[in-house]
């Protein structure tokens, strides 16, 4: 129970590196794109093109902030429909120009206010899932904080799915789980213990493919060391995936998710 509570606390910490910070740390020449060409831009999702060890890639991430004002601007990392449609636009562009895709996920879920419903949040998530399932380029998804519900899954249908050590991924929050199952959000710790939301649990269940360690023998590693490892692992795996044909990439990705 203690380990699960510590992981949830760490995953939600505002001091964690954001998607933008990770992109700028492990990539060169990042150029951010804006807007979905339908409604507007959503600061809760960032994305664009960059270079990873000399390899052109498309990067997309859910973006949180380190303080209240930035989190308000980023809507606490909870995207509106136009955010997912911006991501879809970038994915299709990546496919057109044969660029691998890397997504960085840190969200408690999509934003479910009236405006989101009016603009089709469910449809946007569904379209994202459909597009990801058919992409003919290598695609790796990485959880860097929270991973909640369809809002997280909407960027997470990669050929491989990775998690940093102190992150979480679940169908909904422990508080939401407890509220629905027991009508008592205060039982969130109890809910967390049975939800199997930690990287170790999900790796054992074959839901994810790799855990990027943030500590060694319970001592936190330096951020630059973690990022160096992530960069090396990404470079190796993307080059490996690029050896597959477009048909093989689609088949591998669809087979991976259909087994659940």
Protein backbone atom coordinates (compact mmCIF):
# COMPACT_ATOMS: atom_id res chain seq x y z
CA UNK A 1 0.00 0.00 0.00
CA UNK A 2 2.79 2.41 0.93
CA UNK A 3 4.56 1.93 -2.40
CA UNK A 4 1.34 2.55 -4.33
CA UNK A 5 0.62 5.73 -2.34
CA UNK A 6 4.15 6.96 -2.92
CA UNK A 7 3.91 6.30 -6.67
CA UNK A 8 0.59 8.16 -6.93
CA UNK A 9 2.03 11.10 -5.00
CA UNK A 10 5.14 11.18 -7.20
CA UNK A 11 3.13 10.82 -10.42
CA UNK A 12 0.99 13.83 -9.46
CA UNK A 13 3.83 16.00 -8.21
CA UNK A 14 4.04 19.43 -9.86
CA UNK A 15 7.83 19.16 -9.71
CA UNK A 16 7.94 16.37 -12.29
CA UNK A 17 9.42 17.21 -15.67
CA UNK A 18 6.71 18.25 -18.09
CA UNK A 19 6.31 16.85 -21.59
CA UNK A 20 7.79 20.03 -23.07
CA UNK A 21 10.81 19.86 -20.77
CA UNK A 22 11.43 16.23 -21.72
CA UNK A 23 11.10 16.99 -25.42
CA UNK A 24 13.55 19.87 -25.16
CA UNK A 25 15.97 17.75 -23.09
CA UNK A 26 16.19 14.64 -25.25
CA UNK A 27 15.51 16.23 -28.66
CA UNK A 28 17.10 18.93 -30.80
CA UNK A 29 15.53 21.58 -33.01
CA UNK A 30 12.00 21.25 -31.62
CA UNK A 31 9.43 23.26 -33.57
CA UNK A 32 5.99 23.46 -31.94
CA UNK A 33 2.81 23.38 -34.00
CA UNK A 34 -0.52 24.85 -32.91
CA UNK A 35 -4.19 24.37 -33.67
CA UNK A 36 -6.46 21.66 -35.01
CA UNK A 37 -7.61 23.58 -38.13
CA UNK A 38 -11.20 23.21 -36.94
CA UNK A 39 -11.72 25.19 -33.73
CA UNK A 40 -8.51 26.44 -32.12
CA UNK A 41 -5.44 25.56 -30.10
CA UNK A 42 -5.38 23.62 -26.83
CA UNK A 43 -2.39 24.36 -24.54
CA UNK A 44 -3.03 21.08 -22.68
CA UNK A 45 -1.51 19.22 -25.63
CA UNK A 46 1.80 20.25 -27.17
CA UNK A 47 3.40 18.82 -30.25
CA UNK A 48 5.57 19.36 -33.27
CA UNK A 49 8.65 18.07 -35.05
CA UNK A 50 12.11 17.51 -33.60
CA UNK A 51 15.34 15.60 -34.09
CA UNK A 52 16.28 12.63 -31.91
CA UNK A 53 19.95 11.74 -32.33
CA UNK A 54 19.73 13.02 -35.90
CA UNK A 55 16.43 11.21 -36.62
CA UNK A 56 13.44 13.40 -37.58
CA UNK A 57 10.46 12.54 -35.36
CA UNK A 58 7.06 13.89 -34.38
CA UNK A 59 6.55 14.49 -30.67
CA UNK A 60 3.22 14.99 -28.88
CA UNK A 61 2.52 15.35 -25.18
CA UNK A 62 -0.04 16.32 -22.56
CA UNK A 63 1.35 19.34 -20.79
CA UNK A 64 0.99 20.33 -17.13
CA UNK A 65 2.60 23.19 -15.24
CA UNK A 66 4.78 23.73 -12.19
CA UNK A 67 2.58 26.36 -10.55
CA UNK A 68 -1.06 27.38 -10.34
CA UNK A 69 -1.01 29.98 -13.11
CA UNK A 70 0.69 27.65 -15.59
CA UNK A 71 -1.61 24.78 -14.66
CA UNK A 72 -4.65 26.98 -15.21
CA UNK A 73 -3.28 27.93 -18.64
CA UNK A 74 -2.64 24.24 -19.43
CA UNK A 75 -6.00 23.22 -17.93
CA UNK A 76 -4.07 20.97 -15.52
CA UNK A 77 -3.15 18.71 -18.42
CA UNK A 78 -6.76 17.79 -19.25
CA UNK A 79 -7.28 18.28 -23.00
CA UNK A 80 -10.33 19.56 -24.84
CA UNK A 81 -11.40 17.99 -28.17
CA UNK A 82 -9.25 20.40 -30.17
CA UNK A 83 -6.20 19.12 -28.30
CA UNK A 84 -6.77 15.57 -29.49
CA UNK A 85 -7.59 16.80 -32.98
CA UNK A 86 -4.30 18.69 -33.00
CA UNK A 87 -2.58 15.44 -32.04
CA UNK A 88 -4.42 13.60 -34.82
CA UNK A 89 -3.28 16.25 -37.32
CA UNK A 90 0.32 15.79 -36.22
CA UNK A 91 0.07 11.99 -36.40
CA UNK A 92 -1.27 12.11 -39.95
CA UNK A 93 1.45 14.58 -40.91
CA UNK A 94 4.08 12.26 -39.42
CA UNK A 95 2.73 9.38 -41.47
CA UNK A 96 2.78 11.50 -44.64
CA UNK A 97 6.46 12.35 -44.17
CA UNK A 98 7.45 8.94 -42.75
CA UNK A 99 8.45 10.26 -39.31
CA UNK A 100 8.31 8.07 -36.18
CA UNK A 101 6.02 9.32 -33.40
CA UNK A 102 6.73 9.61 -29.67
CA UNK A 103 4.03 10.65 -27.20
CA UNK A 104 4.54 11.81 -23.61
CA UNK A 105 1.47 11.31 -21.41
CA UNK A 106 0.65 13.02 -18.12
CA UNK A 107 -3.06 13.59 -17.64
CA UNK A 108 -5.76 12.67 -15.16
CA UNK A 109 -8.13 12.45 -18.14
CA UNK A 110 -9.80 14.47 -20.86
CA UNK A 111 -11.71 17.57 -19.74
CA UNK A 112 -15.39 16.74 -19.44
CA UNK A 113 -17.12 20.10 -19.23
CA UNK A 114 -20.15 21.13 -21.30
CA UNK A 115 -18.01 22.84 -23.95
CA UNK A 116 -15.97 19.67 -24.45
CA UNK A 117 -19.14 17.65 -24.86
CA UNK A 118 -20.56 20.21 -27.30
CA UNK A 119 -17.40 20.02 -29.41
CA UNK A 120 -17.30 16.21 -29.40
CA UNK A 121 -14.73 15.01 -26.85
CA UNK A 122 -15.85 11.39 -27.15
CA UNK A 123 -15.66 11.49 -30.93
CA UNK A 124 -12.20 13.11 -30.82
CA UNK A 125 -10.85 10.37 -28.55
CA UNK A 126 -12.43 7.67 -30.71
CA UNK A 127 -10.95 9.19 -33.87
CA UNK A 128 -7.52 9.32 -32.22
CA UNK A 129 -7.73 5.64 -31.33
CA UNK A 130 -8.73 4.77 -34.90
CA UNK A 131 -5.91 6.83 -36.42
CA UNK A 132 -3.30 5.37 -34.05
CA UNK A 133 -4.42 1.83 -34.83
CA UNK A 134 -3.71 2.38 -38.52
CA UNK A 135 -0.49 4.43 -38.48
CA UNK A 136 2.20 3.04 -40.79
CA UNK A 137 5.13 4.62 -38.91
CA UNK A 138 6.87 3.54 -35.68
CA UNK A 139 5.07 4.81 -32.60
CA UNK A 140 6.18 4.76 -28.94
CA UNK A 141 4.04 6.03 -26.05
CA UNK A 142 5.59 7.00 -22.71
CA UNK A 143 3.82 7.73 -19.42
CA UNK A 144 5.67 10.49 -17.57
CA UNK A 145 3.18 11.19 -14.76
CA UNK A 146 -0.51 10.39 -14.46
CA UNK A 147 -2.29 8.25 -17.00
CA UNK A 148 -6.02 8.39 -16.54
CA UNK A 149 -8.89 6.95 -18.56
CA UNK A 150 -9.55 7.52 -22.26
CA UNK A 151 -7.79 10.86 -22.06
CA UNK A 152 -4.51 9.00 -21.60
CA UNK A 153 -5.32 6.10 -23.94
CA UNK A 154 -6.04 8.62 -26.70
CA UNK A 155 -2.27 9.14 -27.04
CA UNK A 156 -1.09 5.72 -25.89
CA UNK A 157 -1.70 3.19 -28.66
CA UNK A 158 1.97 2.79 -29.52
CA UNK A 159 3.87 -0.13 -30.96
CA UNK A 160 5.46 -0.04 -27.51
CA UNK A 161 4.18 1.55 -24.31
CA UNK A 162 6.70 2.61 -21.66
CA UNK A 163 6.39 4.10 -18.19
CA UNK A 164 8.76 5.99 -15.98
CA UNK A 165 9.17 4.27 -12.62
CA UNK A 166 7.11 6.75 -10.59
CA UNK A 167 4.06 7.00 -12.81
CA UNK A 168 0.57 5.50 -12.94
CA UNK A 169 -1.86 4.27 -15.59
CA UNK A 170 -5.43 3.24 -14.91
CA UNK A 171 -8.98 3.29 -16.24
CA UNK A 172 -9.77 6.17 -13.86
CA UNK A 173 -8.41 7.80 -10.71
CA UNK A 174 -8.42 5.91 -7.40
CA UNK A 175 -10.81 8.56 -6.08
CA UNK A 176 -13.18 7.97 -9.00
CA UNK A 177 -12.89 4.20 -8.61
CA UNK A 178 -13.80 4.42 -4.91
CA UNK A 179 -16.67 6.82 -5.60
CA UNK A 180 -18.20 4.53 -8.21
CA UNK A 181 -17.62 1.19 -6.48
CA UNK A 182 -18.14 2.12 -2.84
CA UNK A 183 -19.76 5.59 -3.06
CA UNK A 184 -16.91 6.82 -0.86
CA UNK A 185 -13.96 8.74 -2.35
CA UNK A 186 -12.16 8.59 1.00
CA UNK A 187 -11.41 4.92 0.27
CA UNK A 188 -9.08 5.91 -2.57
CA UNK A 189 -6.05 4.28 -0.91
CA UNK A 190 -7.93 1.00 -0.74
CA UNK A 191 -8.95 1.40 -4.36
CA UNK A 192 -5.39 2.11 -5.46
CA UNK A 193 -4.19 -1.12 -3.86
CA UNK A 194 -6.47 -3.24 -6.07
CA UNK A 195 -6.33 -1.26 -9.33
CA UNK A 196 -2.92 -2.51 -10.51
CA UNK A 197 -1.93 0.96 -11.68
CA UNK A 198 1.82 0.92 -10.96
CA UNK A 199 4.49 0.27 -13.61
CA UNK A 200 5.52 -3.01 -11.95
CA UNK A 201 1.93 -4.28 -11.90
CA UNK A 202 1.32 -3.28 -15.51
CA UNK A 203 4.60 -4.80 -16.69
CA UNK A 204 3.68 -8.12 -15.07
CA UNK A 205 0.28 -7.94 -16.80
CA UNK A 206 2.02 -7.31 -20.14
CA UNK A 207 0.20 -3.97 -20.53
CA UNK A 208 3.48 -2.06 -20.89
CA UNK A 209 6.80 -3.03 -22.43
CA UNK A 210 9.44 -1.13 -20.48
CA UNK A 211 10.02 0.74 -17.22
CA UNK A 212 12.52 3.61 -17.20
CA UNK A 213 13.97 3.58 -13.69
CA UNK A 214 14.06 6.86 -11.77
CA UNK A 215 15.90 5.42 -8.77
CA UNK A 216 18.58 2.91 -7.90
CA UNK A 217 18.37 1.06 -4.56
CA UNK A 218 15.72 3.56 -3.41
CA UNK A 219 17.99 6.54 -4.17
CA UNK A 220 16.74 8.98 -6.82
CA UNK A 221 18.85 9.11 -9.96
CA UNK A 222 19.91 12.42 -11.43
CA UNK A 223 17.38 13.79 -13.89
CA UNK A 224 20.01 14.05 -16.61
CA UNK A 225 20.90 10.37 -16.17
CA UNK A 226 17.25 9.34 -16.51
CA UNK A 227 16.85 11.49 -19.62
CA UNK A 228 20.08 10.15 -21.14
CA UNK A 229 18.81 6.60 -20.67
CA UNK A 230 15.43 7.49 -22.13
CA UNK A 231 17.06 9.08 -25.17
CA UNK A 232 19.27 6.05 -25.79
CA UNK A 233 16.41 3.58 -25.35
CA UNK A 234 14.15 5.57 -27.66
CA UNK A 235 16.82 5.87 -30.35
CA UNK A 236 17.55 2.14 -30.31
CA UNK A 237 13.91 1.07 -30.31
CA UNK A 238 12.81 3.49 -33.04
CA UNK A 239 15.62 2.34 -35.30
CA UNK A 240 14.58 -1.25 -34.61
CA UNK A 241 10.92 -0.51 -35.41
CA UNK A 242 11.93 1.29 -38.62
CA UNK A 243 13.17 -2.06 -39.94
CA UNK A 244 9.55 -3.27 -40.05
CA UNK A 245 7.38 -2.66 -43.09
CA UNK A 246 4.34 -0.37 -42.75
CA UNK A 247 2.10 -3.43 -42.84
CA UNK A 248 4.12 -5.13 -40.10
CA UNK A 249 3.96 -2.03 -37.89
CA UNK A 250 0.17 -1.87 -38.16
CA UNK A 251 -0.20 -5.61 -37.58
CA UNK A 252 2.11 -5.56 -34.54
CA UNK A 253 0.28 -2.62 -32.97
CA UNK A 254 -3.18 -4.03 -33.56
CA UNK A 255 -2.17 -7.46 -32.30
CA UNK A 256 -0.68 -5.88 -29.19
CA UNK A 257 -3.91 -4.16 -28.18
CA UNK A 258 -6.32 -6.86 -29.31
CA UNK A 259 -4.81 -9.35 -26.86
CA UNK A 260 -6.41 -7.42 -23.97
